Amino acid sequence: MPTTRDDAPAYLLRYASRRAEPRVADDAEPAEPAFVVRARERATRRALEELDQPSAPPGRTEAFARETVAPREFEWPESIRRKAATATDVRLIRHGQTQGYIADSALTPLGRWQAHRKGQDLAKGLTEGTVARVVHAPTARATETADALAEGLRQAVARYGISDVTITDPEPIDGFRNFQAWFDGRELDITAAFHDFATVLEGYERHGAGDRPGWMVELDRFWRIQFAGGDPITQWLAVPMHYVEPPAYVARRYWQTIVELVHDASPGGRLYVCGHSGPMRAVAAAAVGHDPGEPNNVEDVRIRVHGDLEHATLTYRGRAVEMDIPTTVSPSWYC
């Protein structure tokens, strides 16, 4: 008996059959799915009804009325839509479910499935001629996420019949590393540092080795929040720390690396970055003005880097912010 199946499930076969049928495209929006067209038609009808209300302000237009009653879909303003059309699409993707955070652990089977499914979902947005570059932080969980993501991308591109798509082999990029901790004269990933930290701390507690150094006090405080079921990333974002890489520096490092990679990318390309929640939250918080919360496994922060490499649009959990890329200036405190 075969243990695997290569044929598509029934729902996908029905979808492929519908796609193969000839259809008459809408002249106004030929590429939109039917459900989007229907939703916009309803929104337009409601907008026209609002224009007939006595309370409608003078000079109100159909376009403005339609925007105020739009359905639950993300619609770019026209000014941003023109810029986004030529932008490079960057996704900061959190790693899949991991086996733990007390070491540089790998993914669980569920985590690998999450990353594979994420790749299949992202493939739906690819078009012919697209170059998708997959990079990752140099940790085990980010590496496995990138491998499974690339596999899902390739599988879905073949299944959906999207031709001439280039998906690069995953590669580690040091600029996307997790935030670092200063551990007894060394810089270490905050997670990788835990094992050595716990060993040294036990020696201090067991043998009464004297006052603990400042780096040990800060790391102890950080990990106690983790073990108590709290969110140590919130403390890292809100409380200045002397022995842990500051969030502003991490966000700036991410932006610097993004700009370098986008500069070398082909127009209209894709950049998928598999990394960690802390840097993602730092980048998003700096853009929207508050901590938007912990991303779920394989949830992404989407960034559209405009062609001038000086402006971008960041989208996270339904909120979009147009912003200046911070690495275009160098204040004295970053030198």
C-alpha atoms as a PDB file:
ATOM      1  CA  MET A   1       0.000   0.000   0.000  1.00  0.00           C
ATOM      2  CA  PRO A   2       1.329   3.492  -0.786  1.00  0.00           C
ATOM      3  CA  THR A   3       2.220   5.594   2.230  1.00  0.00           C
ATOM      4  CA  THR A   4       2.081   8.974   0.490  1.00  0.00           C
ATOM      5  CA  ARG A   5      -0.207  10.604  -2.029  1.00  0.00           C
ATOM      6  CA  ASP A   6       0.756  12.976  -4.796  1.00  0.00           C
ATOM      7  CA  ASP A   7      -2.721  13.804  -6.096  1.00  0.00           C
ATOM      8  CA  ALA A   8      -4.442  16.933  -4.835  1.00  0.00           C
ATOM      9  CA  PRO A   9      -7.368  16.646  -2.392  1.00  0.00           C
ATOM     10  CA  ALA A  10     -10.913  16.926  -3.722  1.00  0.00           C
ATOM     11  CA  TYR A  11     -11.436  20.556  -2.732  1.00  0.00           C
ATOM     12  CA  LEU A  12      -8.252  21.559  -4.574  1.00  0.00           C
ATOM     13  CA  LEU A  13      -9.268  19.601  -7.673  1.00  0.00           C
ATOM     14  CA  ARG A  14     -12.597  21.441  -7.713  1.00  0.00           C
ATOM     15  CA  TYR A  15     -10.747  24.738  -7.348  1.00  0.00           C
ATOM     16  CA  ALA A  16      -8.392  23.880 -10.220  1.00  0.00           C
ATOM     17  CA  SER A  17     -11.394  22.899 -12.349  1.00  0.00           C
ATOM     18  CA  ARG A  18     -13.086  26.246 -11.706  1.00  0.00           C
ATOM     19  CA  ARG A  19      -9.893  28.116 -12.528  1.00  0.00           C
ATOM     20  CA  ALA A  20      -9.629  26.268 -15.832  1.00  0.00           C
ATOM     21  CA  GLU A  21     -13.128  27.282 -16.911  1.00  0.00           C
ATOM     22  CA  PRO A  22     -13.312  30.353 -19.183  1.00  0.00           C
ATOM     23  CA  ARG A  23     -14.734  33.357 -17.443  1.00  0.00           C
ATOM     24  CA  VAL A  24     -15.608  36.903 -18.346  1.00  0.00           C
ATOM     25  CA  ALA A  25     -13.405  39.257 -16.350  1.00  0.00           C
ATOM     26  CA  ASP A  26     -14.727  42.442 -14.854  1.00  0.00           C
ATOM     27  CA  ASP A  27     -13.313  45.375 -16.838  1.00  0.00           C
ATOM     28  CA  ALA A  28     -12.876  47.452 -13.691  1.00  0.00           C
ATOM     29  CA  GLU A  29     -11.105  44.822 -11.588  1.00  0.00           C
ATOM     30  CA  PRO A  30     -10.187  41.822 -13.742  1.00  0.00           C
ATOM     31  CA  ALA A  31      -7.809  40.200 -11.267  1.00  0.00           C
ATOM     32  CA  GLU A  32      -9.967  40.331  -8.125  1.00  0.00           C
ATOM     33  CA  PRO A  33     -11.583  37.204  -6.638  1.00  0.00           C
ATOM     34  CA  ALA A  34     -15.365  37.031  -6.867  1.00  0.00           C
ATOM     35  CA  PHE A  35     -15.904  37.430  -3.115  1.00  0.00           C
ATOM     36  CA  VAL A  36     -13.903  40.667  -3.112  1.00  0.00           C
ATOM     37  CA  VAL A  37     -15.870  42.015  -6.085  1.00  0.00           C
ATOM     38  CA  ARG A  38     -19.171  41.229  -4.356  1.00  0.00           C
ATOM     39  CA  ALA A  39     -18.032  42.832  -1.092  1.00  0.00           C
ATOM     40  CA  ARG A  40     -16.974  45.994  -2.868  1.00  0.00           C
ATOM     41  CA  GLU A  41     -20.239  46.156  -4.768  1.00  0.00           C
ATOM     42  CA  ARG A  42     -22.156  46.048  -1.471  1.00  0.00           C
ATOM     43  CA  ALA A  43     -19.877  48.724  -0.031  1.00  0.00           C
ATOM     44  CA  THR A  44     -20.464  50.926  -3.078  1.00  0.00           C
ATOM     45  CA  ARG A  45     -24.231  50.582  -2.745  1.00  0.00           C
ATOM     46  CA  ARG A  46     -24.053  51.582   0.925  1.00  0.00           C
ATOM     47  CA  ALA A  47     -21.838  54.508  -0.001  1.00  0.00           C
ATOM     48  CA  LEU A  48     -24.316  55.760  -2.593  1.00  0.00           C
ATOM     49  CA  GLU A  49     -27.107  55.494  -0.035  1.00  0.00           C
ATOM     50  CA  GLU A  50     -25.089  57.602   2.389  1.00  0.00           C
ATOM     51  CA  LEU A  51     -24.629  60.316  -0.218  1.00  0.00           C
ATOM     52  CA  ASP A  52     -28.417  60.771  -0.299  1.00  0.00           C
ATOM     53  CA  GLN A  53     -28.606  61.399   3.449  1.00  0.00           C
ATOM     54  CA  PRO A  54     -29.341  65.014   4.509  1.00  0.00           C
ATOM     55  CA  SER A  55     -26.509  64.801   7.020  1.00  0.00           C
ATOM     56  CA  ALA A  56     -23.902  64.110   4.335  1.00  0.00           C
ATOM     57  CA  PRO A  57     -21.202  66.833   4.452  1.00  0.00           C
ATOM     58  CA  PRO A  58     -20.859  69.206   1.480  1.00  0.00           C
ATOM     59  CA  GLY A  59     -18.505  68.045  -1.228  1.00  0.00           C
ATOM     60  CA  ARG A  60     -18.615  64.418  -0.187  1.00  0.00           C
ATOM     61  CA  THR A  61     -17.665  62.063  -3.006  1.00  0.00           C
ATOM     62  CA  GLU A  62     -18.592  58.476  -3.772  1.00  0.00           C
ATOM     63  CA  ALA A  63     -14.981  57.395  -3.283  1.00  0.00           C
ATOM     64  CA  PHE A  64     -14.846  58.910   0.204  1.00  0.00           C
ATOM     65  CA  ALA A  65     -18.232  57.487   1.155  1.00  0.00           C
ATOM     66  CA  ARG A  66     -17.241  54.057  -0.070  1.00  0.00           C
ATOM     67  CA  GLU A  67     -14.015  54.166   1.954  1.00  0.00           C
ATOM     68  CA  THR A  68     -15.916  54.912   5.169  1.00  0.00           C
ATOM     69  CA  VAL A  69     -18.253  51.933   4.710  1.00  0.00           C
ATOM     70  CA  ALA A  70     -15.717  49.538   3.180  1.00  0.00           C
ATOM     71  CA  PRO A  71     -15.958  45.844   4.064  1.00  0.00           C
ATOM     72  CA  ARG A  72     -13.457  44.132   6.346  1.00  0.00           C
ATOM     73  CA  GLU A  73     -10.604  44.040   3.908  1.00  0.00           C
ATOM     74  CA  PHE A  74      -7.358  45.958   3.865  1.00  0.00           C
ATOM     75  CA  GLU A  75      -7.520  48.699   1.219  1.00  0.00           C
ATOM     76  CA  TRP A  76      -4.531  50.940   0.596  1.00  0.00           C
ATOM     77  CA  PRO A  77      -5.081  54.657   0.046  1.00  0.00           C
ATOM     78  CA  GLU A  78      -4.284  55.576  -3.522  1.00  0.00           C
ATOM     79  CA  SER A  79      -1.132  57.488  -2.550  1.00  0.00           C
ATOM     80  CA  ILE A  80       0.332  54.434  -0.793  1.00  0.00           C
ATOM     81  CA  ARG A  81      -0.928  51.988  -3.421  1.00  0.00           C
ATOM     82  CA  ARG A  82       1.184  53.671  -6.102  1.00  0.00           C
ATOM     83  CA  LYS A  83       4.310  53.382  -3.952  1.00  0.00           C
ATOM     84  CA  ALA A  84       3.583  49.791  -2.922  1.00  0.00           C
ATOM     85  CA  ALA A  85       3.254  48.704  -6.550  1.00  0.00           C
ATOM     86  CA  THR A  86       7.026  48.941  -7.041  1.00  0.00           C
ATOM     87  CA  ALA A  87       8.050  48.037  -3.486  1.00  0.00           C
ATOM     88  CA  THR A  88       9.955  44.951  -2.345  1.00  0.00           C
ATOM     89  CA  ASP A  89       7.845  42.728  -0.115  1.00  0.00           C
ATOM     90  CA  VAL A  90       9.657  41.710   3.088  1.00  0.00           C
ATOM     91  CA  ARG A  91       8.194  39.317   5.666  1.00  0.00           C
ATOM     92  CA  LEU A  92       9.663  38.989   9.152  1.00  0.00           C
ATOM     93  CA  ILE A  93       8.410  35.545  10.164  1.00  0.00           C
ATOM     94  CA  ARG A  94       8.630  34.126  13.654  1.00  0.00           C
ATOM     95  CA  HIS A  95       9.950  30.581  13.905  1.00  0.00           C
ATOM     96  CA  GLY A  96       7.604  27.624  14.363  1.00  0.00           C
ATOM     97  CA  GLN A  97       6.821  25.955  17.662  1.00  0.00           C
ATOM     98  CA  THR A  98      10.085  25.026  19.351  1.00  0.00           C
ATOM     99  CA  GLN A  99      11.014  22.378  21.894  1.00  0.00           C
ATOM    100  CA  GLY A 100      11.973  24.962  24.495  1.00  0.00           C
ATOM    101  CA  TYR A 101      13.784  28.192  25.257  1.00  0.00           C
ATOM    102  CA  ILE A 102      16.428  27.041  27.711  1.00  0.00           C
ATOM    103  CA  ALA A 103      18.781  26.121  24.851  1.00  0.00           C
ATOM    104  CA  ASP A 104      19.113  26.573  21.095  1.00  0.00           C
ATOM    105  CA  SER A 105      16.412  23.965  20.538  1.00  0.00           C
ATOM    106  CA  ALA A 106      14.977  22.668  17.286  1.00  0.00           C
ATOM    107  CA  LEU A 107      11.341  22.705  16.189  1.00  0.00           C
ATOM    108  CA  THR A 108       8.666  20.253  17.221  1.00  0.00           C
ATOM    109  CA  PRO A 109       6.847  18.270  14.512  1.00  0.00           C
ATOM    110  CA  LEU A 110       4.019  20.813  14.809  1.00  0.00           C
ATOM    111  CA  GLY A 111       6.524  23.633  14.344  1.00  0.00           C
ATOM    112  CA  ARG A 112       7.838  22.113  11.132  1.00  0.00           C
ATOM    113  CA  TRP A 113       4.285  21.676   9.862  1.00  0.00           C
ATOM    114  CA  GLN A 114       3.510  25.315  10.732  1.00  0.00           C
ATOM    115  CA  ALA A 115       6.499  26.547   8.721  1.00  0.00           C
ATOM    116  CA  HIS A 116       5.672  24.266   5.787  1.00  0.00           C
ATOM    117  CA  ARG A 117       2.076  25.506   5.759  1.00  0.00           C
ATOM    118  CA  LYS A 118       3.276  29.117   5.974  1.00  0.00           C
ATOM    119  CA  GLY A 119       5.337  28.571   2.834  1.00  0.00           C
ATOM    120  CA  GLN A 120       2.290  27.217   1.016  1.00  0.00           C
ATOM    121  CA  ASP A 121       0.237  30.239   2.074  1.00  0.00           C
ATOM    122  CA  LEU A 122       2.916  32.705   0.955  1.00  0.00           C
ATOM    123  CA  ALA A 123       3.176  30.981  -2.429  1.00  0.00           C
ATOM    124  CA  LYS A 124      -0.348  32.146  -3.244  1.00  0.00           C
ATOM    125  CA  GLY A 125       0.982  35.698  -3.571  1.00  0.00           C
ATOM    126  CA  LEU A 126       3.781  34.845  -5.995  1.00  0.00           C
ATOM    127  CA  THR A 127       3.541  35.618  -9.671  1.00  0.00           C
ATOM    128  CA  GLU A 128       5.500  34.527 -12.717  1.00  0.00           C
ATOM    129  CA  GLY A 129       9.065  35.795 -12.749  1.00  0.00           C
ATOM    130  CA  THR A 130       9.245  36.393  -8.984  1.00  0.00           C
ATOM    131  CA  VAL A 131      12.478  35.804  -7.091  1.00  0.00           C
ATOM    132  CA  ALA A 132      11.838  34.811  -3.468  1.00  0.00           C
ATOM    133  CA  ARG A 133      14.862  34.870  -1.186  1.00  0.00           C
ATOM    134  CA  VAL A 134      14.648  32.907   2.066  1.00  0.00           C
ATOM    135  CA  VAL A 135      17.013  33.897   4.879  1.00  0.00           C
ATOM    136  CA  HIS A 136      17.088  33.182   8.586  1.00  0.00           C
ATOM    137  CA  ALA A 137      18.687  33.946  11.915  1.00  0.00           C
ATOM    138  CA  PRO A 138      21.647  31.678  12.791  1.00  0.00           C
ATOM    139  CA  THR A 139      19.775  29.519  15.336  1.00  0.00           C
ATOM    140  CA  ALA A 140      18.480  25.967  15.080  1.00  0.00           C
ATOM    141  CA  ARG A 141      14.781  26.873  15.294  1.00  0.00           C
ATOM    142  CA  ALA A 142      15.078  29.663  12.717  1.00  0.00           C
ATOM    143  CA  THR A 143      17.096  27.420  10.387  1.00  0.00           C
ATOM    144  CA  GLU A 144      14.517  24.625  10.510  1.00  0.00           C
ATOM    145  CA  THR A 145      11.719  27.145   9.965  1.00  0.00           C
ATOM    146  CA  ALA A 146      13.437  28.499   6.850  1.00  0.00           C
ATOM    147  CA  ASP A 147      14.030  24.987   5.471  1.00  0.00           C
ATOM    148  CA  ALA A 148      10.385  23.974   5.947  1.00  0.00           C
ATOM    149  CA  LEU A 149       9.164  27.329   4.604  1.00  0.00           C
ATOM    150  CA  ALA A 150      11.210  26.967   1.412  1.00  0.00           C
ATOM    151  CA  GLU A 151       9.954  23.403   0.963  1.00  0.00           C
ATOM    152  CA  GLY A 152       6.354  24.601   1.325  1.00  0.00           C
ATOM    153  CA  LEU A 153       6.957  27.398  -1.174  1.00  0.00           C
ATOM    154  CA  ARG A 154       8.388  25.042  -3.782  1.00  0.00           C
ATOM    155  CA  GLN A 155       5.660  22.469  -3.307  1.00  0.00           C
ATOM    156  CA  ALA A 156       2.873  25.040  -3.602  1.00  0.00           C
ATOM    157  CA  VAL A 157       4.392  26.777  -6.628  1.00  0.00           C
ATOM    158  CA  ALA A 158       4.500  23.446  -8.431  1.00  0.00           C
ATOM    159  CA  ARG A 159       0.962  22.565  -7.367  1.00  0.00           C
ATOM    160  CA  TYR A 160      -0.518  25.932  -8.315  1.00  0.00           C
ATOM    161  CA  GLY A 161       1.294  25.892 -11.663  1.00  0.00           C
ATOM    162  CA  ILE A 162       3.136  29.206 -11.167  1.00  0.00           C
ATOM    163  CA  SER A 163       5.993  29.153 -13.649  1.00  0.00           C
ATOM    164  CA  ASP A 164       9.363  30.904 -13.694  1.00  0.00           C
ATOM    165  CA  VAL A 165       9.535  31.415  -9.908  1.00  0.00           C
ATOM    166  CA  THR A 166      12.962  31.309  -8.259  1.00  0.00           C
ATOM    167  CA  ILE A 167      13.083  30.273  -4.588  1.00  0.00           C
ATOM    168  CA  THR A 168      16.569  30.479  -3.167  1.00  0.00           C
ATOM    169  CA  ASP A 169      18.053  27.979  -0.751  1.00  0.00           C
ATOM    170  CA  PRO A 170      17.769  29.236   2.851  1.00  0.00           C
ATOM    171  CA  GLU A 171      20.861  31.028   4.085  1.00  0.00           C
ATOM    172  CA  PRO A 172      21.825  32.396   7.516  1.00  0.00           C
ATOM    173  CA  ILE A 173      22.223  36.163   7.842  1.00  0.00           C
ATOM    174  CA  ASP A 174      23.971  37.373  10.982  1.00  0.00           C
ATOM    175  CA  GLY A 175      22.177  40.732  10.861  1.00  0.00           C
ATOM    176  CA  PHE A 176      18.924  38.931  11.695  1.00  0.00           C
ATOM    177  CA  ARG A 177      20.282  37.248  14.820  1.00  0.00           C
ATOM    178  CA  ASN A 178      18.266  37.345  18.027  1.00  0.00           C
ATOM    179  CA  PHE A 179      19.032  40.070  20.567  1.00  0.00           C
ATOM    180  CA  GLN A 180      22.235  39.386  22.454  1.00  0.00           C
ATOM    181  CA  ALA A 181      23.194  39.247  26.126  1.00  0.00           C
ATOM    182  CA  TRP A 182      26.571  40.129  27.620  1.00  0.00           C
ATOM    183  CA  PHE A 183      27.591  36.971  29.465  1.00  0.00           C
ATOM    184  CA  ASP A 184      30.792  37.144  31.483  1.00  0.00           C
ATOM    185  CA  GLY A 185      32.797  38.872  28.773  1.00  0.00           C
ATOM    186  CA  ARG A 186      31.029  37.260  25.809  1.00  0.00           C
ATOM    187  CA  GLU A 187      28.101  38.165  23.592  1.00  0.00           C
ATOM    188  CA  LEU A 188      25.625  35.315  23.350  1.00  0.00           C
ATOM    189  CA  ASP A 189      22.129  34.778  22.003  1.00  0.00           C
ATOM    190  CA  ILE A 190      19.729  35.384  24.902  1.00  0.00           C
ATOM    191  CA  THR A 191      18.450  31.790  24.687  1.00  0.00           C
ATOM    192  CA  ALA A 192      21.789  30.115  24.097  1.00  0.00           C
ATOM    193  CA  ALA A 193      23.180  31.915  27.153  1.00  0.00           C
ATOM    194  CA  PHE A 194      20.796  30.246  29.575  1.00  0.00           C
ATOM    195  CA  HIS A 195      22.641  26.941  30.081  1.00  0.00           C
ATOM    196  CA  ASP A 196      25.956  28.595  30.948  1.00  0.00           C
ATOM    197  CA  PHE A 197      24.170  31.216  33.033  1.00  0.00           C
ATOM    198  CA  ALA A 198      22.309  28.589  35.082  1.00  0.00           C
ATOM    199  CA  THR A 199      25.563  26.697  35.746  1.00  0.00           C
ATOM    200  CA  VAL A 200      27.395  29.817  36.964  1.00  0.00           C
ATOM    201  CA  LEU A 201      24.423  30.963  39.028  1.00  0.00           C
ATOM    202  CA  GLU A 202      24.213  27.583  40.769  1.00  0.00           C
ATOM    203  CA  GLY A 203      27.862  27.900  41.743  1.00  0.00           C
ATOM    204  CA  TYR A 204      27.233  31.290  43.335  1.00  0.00           C
ATOM    205  CA  GLU A 205      24.185  30.051  45.224  1.00  0.00           C
ATOM    206  CA  ARG A 206      25.743  26.770  46.371  1.00  0.00           C
ATOM    207  CA  HIS A 207      29.166  27.999  47.418  1.00  0.00           C
ATOM    208  CA  GLY A 208      28.366  31.560  48.482  1.00  0.00           C
ATOM    209  CA  ALA A 209      30.897  32.989  46.042  1.00  0.00           C
ATOM    210  CA  GLY A 210      30.152  36.598  47.003  1.00  0.00           C
ATOM    211  CA  ASP A 211      28.183  39.350  45.319  1.00  0.00           C
ATOM    212  CA  ARG A 212      26.873  38.504  41.887  1.00  0.00           C
ATOM    213  CA  PRO A 213      28.055  40.686  38.974  1.00  0.00           C
ATOM    214  CA  GLY A 214      25.606  42.998  37.237  1.00  0.00           C
ATOM    215  CA  TRP A 215      25.214  40.871  34.116  1.00  0.00           C
ATOM    216  CA  MET A 216      24.126  37.923  36.281  1.00  0.00           C
ATOM    217  CA  VAL A 217      21.578  40.047  38.162  1.00  0.00           C
ATOM    218  CA  GLU A 218      19.960  41.209  34.910  1.00  0.00           C
ATOM    219  CA  LEU A 219      19.849  37.770  33.312  1.00  0.00           C
ATOM    220  CA  ASP A 220      18.475  36.273  36.517  1.00  0.00           C
ATOM    221  CA  ARG A 221      15.709  38.863  36.515  1.00  0.00           C
ATOM    222  CA  PHE A 222      14.967  38.164  32.832  1.00  0.00           C
ATOM    223  CA  TRP A 223      14.703  34.400  33.201  1.00  0.00           C
ATOM    224  CA  ARG A 224      12.688  34.518  36.434  1.00  0.00           C
ATOM    225  CA  ILE A 225       9.960  36.329  34.487  1.00  0.00           C
ATOM    226  CA  GLN A 226      10.052  33.553  31.897  1.00  0.00           C
ATOM    227  CA  PHE A 227       9.784  30.774  34.475  1.00  0.00           C
ATOM    228  CA  ALA A 228       6.941  32.537  36.289  1.00  0.00           C
ATOM    229  CA  GLY A 229       4.868  32.448  33.105  1.00  0.00           C
ATOM    230  CA  GLY A 230       5.358  36.126  32.290  1.00  0.00           C
ATOM    231  CA  ASP A 231       6.665  37.846  29.185  1.00  0.00           C
ATOM    232  CA  PRO A 232      10.331  38.848  29.546  1.00  0.00           C
ATOM    233  CA  ILE A 233      10.263  40.489  26.091  1.00  0.00           C
ATOM    234  CA  THR A 234       7.900  43.115  27.497  1.00  0.00           C
ATOM    235  CA  GLN A 235      10.477  43.951  30.176  1.00  0.00           C
ATOM    236  CA  TRP A 236      13.230  44.070  27.563  1.00  0.00           C
ATOM    237  CA  LEU A 237      11.223  46.531  25.457  1.00  0.00           C
ATOM    238  CA  ALA A 238      10.244  48.769  28.373  1.00  0.00           C
ATOM    239  CA  VAL A 239      13.080  48.653  30.935  1.00  0.00           C
ATOM    240  CA  PRO A 240      16.619  49.868  30.105  1.00  0.00           C
ATOM    241  CA  MET A 241      19.154  47.094  30.633  1.00  0.00           C
ATOM    242  CA  HIS A 242      22.922  47.427  30.803  1.00  0.00           C
ATOM    243  CA  TYR A 243      23.949  43.925  29.757  1.00  0.00           C
ATOM    244  CA  VAL A 244      21.370  43.124  27.062  1.00  0.00           C
ATOM    245  CA  GLU A 245      21.325  44.570  23.540  1.00  0.00           C
ATOM    246  CA  PRO A 246      18.801  47.478  23.502  1.00  0.00           C
ATOM    247  CA  PRO A 247      15.640  47.153  21.373  1.00  0.00           C
ATOM    248  CA  ALA A 248      16.436  50.315  19.384  1.00  0.00           C
ATOM    249  CA  TYR A 249      19.804  48.876  18.345  1.00  0.00           C
ATOM    250  CA  VAL A 250      18.200  45.579  17.365  1.00  0.00           C
ATOM    251  CA  ALA A 251      15.560  47.351  15.239  1.00  0.00           C
ATOM    252  CA  ARG A 252      18.228  49.470  13.601  1.00  0.00           C
ATOM    253  CA  ARG A 253      20.342  46.362  12.873  1.00  0.00           C
ATOM    254  CA  TYR A 254      17.345  44.686  11.260  1.00  0.00           C
ATOM    255  CA  TRP A 255      16.612  47.727   9.094  1.00  0.00           C
ATOM    256  CA  GLN A 256      20.246  48.003   8.026  1.00  0.00           C
ATOM    257  CA  THR A 257      20.276  44.362   6.937  1.00  0.00           C
ATOM    258  CA  ILE A 258      16.904  44.657   5.170  1.00  0.00           C
ATOM    259  CA  VAL A 259      18.059  47.666   3.153  1.00  0.00           C
ATOM    260  CA  GLU A 260      21.268  45.883   2.133  1.00  0.00           C
ATOM    261  CA  LEU A 261      19.395  42.805   0.933  1.00  0.00           C
ATOM    262  CA  VAL A 262      16.665  44.789  -0.837  1.00  0.00           C
ATOM    263  CA  HIS A 263      19.317  46.880  -2.588  1.00  0.00           C
ATOM    264  CA  ASP A 264      20.721  43.681  -4.125  1.00  0.00           C
ATOM    265  CA  ALA A 265      17.293  42.180  -4.924  1.00  0.00           C
ATOM    266  CA  SER A 266      15.525  42.322  -8.247  1.00  0.00           C
ATOM    267  CA  PRO A 267      12.533  44.715  -8.542  1.00  0.00           C
ATOM    268  CA  GLY A 268       9.320  43.216  -7.222  1.00  0.00           C
ATOM    269  CA  GLY A 269      11.151  40.447  -5.383  1.00  0.00           C
ATOM    270  CA  ARG A 270      10.260  38.796  -2.087  1.00  0.00           C
ATOM    271  CA  LEU A 271      12.390  38.512   1.046  1.00  0.00           C
ATOM    272  CA  TYR A 272      11.303  36.030   3.718  1.00  0.00           C
ATOM    273  CA  VAL A 273      13.182  36.372   7.018  1.00  0.00           C
ATOM    274  CA  CYS A 274      12.725  33.588   9.565  1.00  0.00           C
ATOM    275  CA  GLY A 275      13.707  34.884  12.978  1.00  0.00           C
ATOM    276  CA  HIS A 276      12.629  35.578  16.529  1.00  0.00           C
ATOM    277  CA  SER A 277       9.795  37.387  18.267  1.00  0.00           C
ATOM    278  CA  GLY A 278      11.932  39.867  20.224  1.00  0.00           C
ATOM    279  CA  PRO A 279      13.463  41.648  17.209  1.00  0.00           C
ATOM    280  CA  MET A 280      10.120  41.505  15.370  1.00  0.00           C
ATOM    281  CA  ARG A 281       8.383  43.242  18.276  1.00  0.00           C
ATOM    282  CA  ALA A 282      11.176  45.833  18.482  1.00  0.00           C
ATOM    283  CA  VAL A 283      10.822  46.685  14.785  1.00  0.00           C
ATOM    284  CA  ALA A 284       7.008  46.835  14.972  1.00  0.00           C
ATOM    285  CA  ALA A 285       6.945  48.825  18.242  1.00  0.00           C
ATOM    286  CA  ALA A 286       9.315  51.451  16.841  1.00  0.00           C
ATOM    287  CA  ALA A 287       6.984  51.888  13.847  1.00  0.00           C
ATOM    288  CA  VAL A 288       3.531  51.913  15.467  1.00  0.00           C
ATOM    289  CA  GLY A 289       4.521  53.626  18.745  1.00  0.00           C
ATOM    290  CA  HIS A 290       3.637  50.827  21.173  1.00  0.00           C
ATOM    291  CA  ASP A 291       4.343  47.155  21.748  1.00  0.00           C
ATOM    292  CA  PRO A 292       1.796  45.340  19.529  1.00  0.00           C
ATOM    293  CA  GLY A 293       2.238  42.063  21.377  1.00  0.00           C
ATOM    294  CA  GLU A 294       3.894  38.697  20.960  1.00  0.00           C
ATOM    295  CA  PRO A 295       3.564  37.245  17.441  1.00  0.00           C
ATOM    296  CA  ASN A 296       2.260  33.713  17.177  1.00  0.00           C
ATOM    297  CA  ASN A 297       4.430  31.006  15.682  1.00  0.00           C
ATOM    298  CA  VAL A 298       5.032  31.748  11.951  1.00  0.00           C
ATOM    299  CA  GLU A 299       3.049  34.997  12.217  1.00  0.00           C
ATOM    300  CA  ASP A 300       4.724  37.752  10.219  1.00  0.00           C
ATOM    301  CA  VAL A 301       5.393  41.469  10.209  1.00  0.00           C
ATOM    302  CA  ARG A 302       5.049  42.654   6.613  1.00  0.00           C
ATOM    303  CA  ILE A 303       7.243  45.448   5.317  1.00  0.00           C
ATOM    304  CA  ARG A 304       7.070  47.000   1.871  1.00  0.00           C
ATOM    305  CA  VAL A 305      10.349  48.761   1.167  1.00  0.00           C
ATOM    306  CA  HIS A 306       9.878  51.477  -1.448  1.00  0.00           C
ATOM    307  CA  GLY A 307      12.222  51.879  -4.356  1.00  0.00           C
ATOM    308  CA  ASP A 308      14.077  54.858  -2.864  1.00  0.00           C
ATOM    309  CA  LEU A 309      15.242  52.662   0.065  1.00  0.00           C
ATOM    310  CA  GLU A 310      14.338  55.513   2.393  1.00  0.00           C
ATOM    311  CA  HIS A 311      10.649  54.843   3.017  1.00  0.00           C
ATOM    312  CA  ALA A 312       8.630  51.760   3.875  1.00  0.00           C
ATOM    313  CA  THR A 313       5.151  50.669   4.896  1.00  0.00           C
ATOM    314  CA  LEU A 314       4.962  48.295   7.859  1.00  0.00           C
ATOM    315  CA  THR A 315       1.852  46.193   8.465  1.00  0.00           C
ATOM    316  CA  TYR A 316       1.208  44.139  11.582  1.00  0.00           C
ATOM    317  CA  ARG A 317      -2.105  42.733  12.763  1.00  0.00           C
ATOM    318  CA  GLY A 318      -4.214  44.895  10.502  1.00  0.00           C
ATOM    319  CA  ARG A 319      -2.460  48.202  11.195  1.00  0.00           C
ATOM    320  CA  ALA A 320      -0.282  49.827   8.543  1.00  0.00           C
ATOM    321  CA  VAL A 321       2.190  52.660   9.117  1.00  0.00           C
ATOM    322  CA  GLU A 322       4.115  54.575   6.467  1.00  0.00           C
ATOM    323  CA  MET A 323       7.528  55.435   7.868  1.00  0.00           C
ATOM    324  CA  ASP A 324      11.025  56.637   7.152  1.00  0.00           C
ATOM    325  CA  ILE A 325      13.673  53.923   7.309  1.00  0.00           C
ATOM    326  CA  PRO A 326      15.759  54.881  10.369  1.00  0.00           C
ATOM    327  CA  THR A 327      19.133  53.840   8.986  1.00  0.00           C
ATOM    328  CA  THR A 328      19.136  56.707   6.477  1.00  0.00           C
ATOM    329  CA  VAL A 329      20.401  58.972   9.289  1.00  0.00           C
ATOM    330  CA  SER A 330      23.184  58.405  11.834  1.00  0.00           C
ATOM    331  CA  PRO A 331      22.833  60.339  15.106  1.00  0.00           C
ATOM    332  CA  SER A 332      25.903  60.547  17.295  1.00  0.00           C
ATOM    333  CA  TRP A 333      24.590  57.938  19.748  1.00  0.00           C
ATOM    334  CA  TYR A 334      24.595  55.303  17.009  1.00  0.00           C
ATOM    335  CA  CYS A 335      28.184  55.914  15.999  1.00  0.00           C
END
